């Protein structure tokens, strides 16, 4: 089982009612970003990033599992465009990709 990071507008990604990122907003981000490629074979909102990384949208949040440093950096850029933050499964927020690197080394 992997560790998920999410792009969310809520202080708690599990309780984002009223603060959801809409599917339309997510798909507008995808359409405007040449580094993101729609991957409908894996779901209507699934997206590839680079050769082997991915994002998906579900219930108002954008998520991925076990991202690498570059993917966390990309999440932060996307979050900024969506006026959102990047939050881990345990509720912690990331403001830089280096925070993720340090957190993963501790774990």
Protein backbone atom coordinates (compact mmCIF):
# COMPACT_ATOMS: atom_id res chain seq x y z
CA UNK A 1 0.00 0.00 0.00
CA UNK A 2 1.41 3.37 -1.00
CA UNK A 3 1.31 6.81 0.52
CA UNK A 4 -0.94 9.31 -1.23
CA UNK A 5 -0.49 13.03 -1.65
CA UNK A 6 -3.45 15.17 -2.67
CA UNK A 7 -4.02 18.60 -4.07
CA UNK A 8 -6.89 19.97 -2.00
CA UNK A 9 -8.46 23.28 -1.04
CA UNK A 10 -9.47 21.99 2.38
CA UNK A 11 -7.54 21.84 5.64
CA UNK A 12 -8.61 18.17 5.68
CA UNK A 13 -8.77 16.41 2.31
CA UNK A 14 -11.40 14.00 3.69
CA UNK A 15 -13.78 16.87 4.49
CA UNK A 16 -13.59 19.13 1.45
CA UNK A 17 -17.33 19.78 0.98
CA UNK A 18 -17.78 23.24 -0.46
CA UNK A 19 -14.06 23.52 -1.30
CA UNK A 20 -13.85 20.90 -4.05
CA UNK A 21 -11.66 21.23 -7.12
CA UNK A 22 -14.15 20.57 -9.89
CA UNK A 23 -13.51 17.99 -12.58
CA UNK A 24 -13.85 20.83 -15.09
CA UNK A 25 -11.12 22.84 -13.35
CA UNK A 26 -8.86 19.79 -13.30
CA UNK A 27 -9.37 19.09 -17.00
CA UNK A 28 -8.68 22.77 -17.82
CA UNK A 29 -5.34 22.45 -16.01
CA UNK A 30 -4.57 19.29 -17.98
CA UNK A 31 -5.49 20.90 -21.30
CA UNK A 32 -3.30 23.94 -20.62
CA UNK A 33 -0.21 22.03 -19.45
CA UNK A 34 1.95 20.28 -22.09
CA UNK A 35 3.57 18.11 -19.39
CA UNK A 36 0.23 16.45 -18.59
CA UNK A 37 -1.43 13.93 -20.89
CA UNK A 38 -4.95 12.63 -20.51
CA UNK A 39 -4.98 8.86 -19.88
CA UNK A 40 -8.63 7.92 -20.30
CA UNK A 41 -7.75 4.21 -20.42
CA UNK A 42 -7.23 4.52 -16.65
CA UNK A 43 -10.30 6.65 -15.94
CA UNK A 44 -12.03 9.79 -17.16
CA UNK A 45 -9.79 12.11 -15.10
CA UNK A 46 -6.54 10.12 -15.08
CA UNK A 47 -3.45 11.93 -16.33
CA UNK A 48 0.10 10.88 -17.11
CA UNK A 49 3.02 13.04 -16.04
CA UNK A 50 6.33 12.11 -17.59
CA UNK A 51 7.11 8.51 -18.45
CA UNK A 52 5.79 6.72 -15.38
CA UNK A 53 4.02 9.16 -13.07
CA UNK A 54 0.32 9.91 -12.88
CA UNK A 55 -2.40 12.01 -11.27
CA UNK A 56 -6.11 11.43 -10.94
CA UNK A 57 -9.09 13.44 -9.73
CA UNK A 58 -11.60 12.03 -7.26
CA UNK A 59 -14.27 13.71 -5.13
CA UNK A 60 -12.81 17.19 -5.46
CA UNK A 61 -9.14 16.36 -4.89
CA UNK A 62 -6.28 15.51 -7.25
CA UNK A 63 -4.04 12.70 -6.03
CA UNK A 64 -1.11 10.40 -6.74
CA UNK A 65 0.63 7.60 -4.84
CA UNK A 66 4.29 7.49 -3.77
CA UNK A 67 5.40 10.47 -5.85
CA UNK A 68 9.02 11.24 -6.53
CA UNK A 69 10.61 14.64 -5.86
CA UNK A 70 9.80 16.01 -9.35
CA UNK A 71 6.17 14.91 -9.09
CA UNK A 72 5.74 16.67 -5.74
CA UNK A 73 7.21 19.78 -7.35
CA UNK A 74 4.66 19.50 -10.16
CA UNK A 75 1.86 19.04 -7.61
CA UNK A 76 2.91 22.27 -5.90
CA UNK A 77 2.78 24.14 -9.22
CA UNK A 78 -0.67 22.72 -9.99
CA UNK A 79 -1.87 23.46 -6.45
CA UNK A 80 -0.79 27.07 -6.82
CA UNK A 81 -2.77 27.37 -10.06
CA UNK A 82 -5.83 25.95 -8.27
CA UNK A 83 -5.44 28.04 -5.10
CA UNK A 84 -4.94 24.81 -3.19
CA UNK A 85 -2.34 22.96 -1.13
CA UNK A 86 -0.58 19.59 -1.20
CA UNK A 87 -1.56 17.33 1.70
CA UNK A 88 -0.44 13.83 2.69
CA UNK A 89 -2.49 10.93 4.03
CA UNK A 90 -1.68 11.94 7.61
CA UNK A 91 -2.90 15.51 7.11
CA UNK A 92 0.49 17.19 6.76
CA UNK A 93 0.94 19.94 4.16
CA UNK A 94 3.95 20.37 1.90
CA UNK A 95 5.25 23.74 0.76
CA UNK A 96 8.29 22.39 -1.09
CA UNK A 97 9.38 19.16 -2.72
CA UNK A 98 12.38 19.05 -0.38
CA UNK A 99 9.97 18.65 2.57
CA UNK A 100 8.65 15.47 0.91
CA UNK A 101 12.20 14.18 0.41
CA UNK A 102 13.03 14.73 4.09
CA UNK A 103 9.74 13.17 5.25
CA UNK A 104 10.31 10.07 3.13
CA UNK A 105 13.86 9.61 4.49
CA UNK A 106 12.54 9.78 8.07
CA UNK A 107 9.85 7.19 7.33
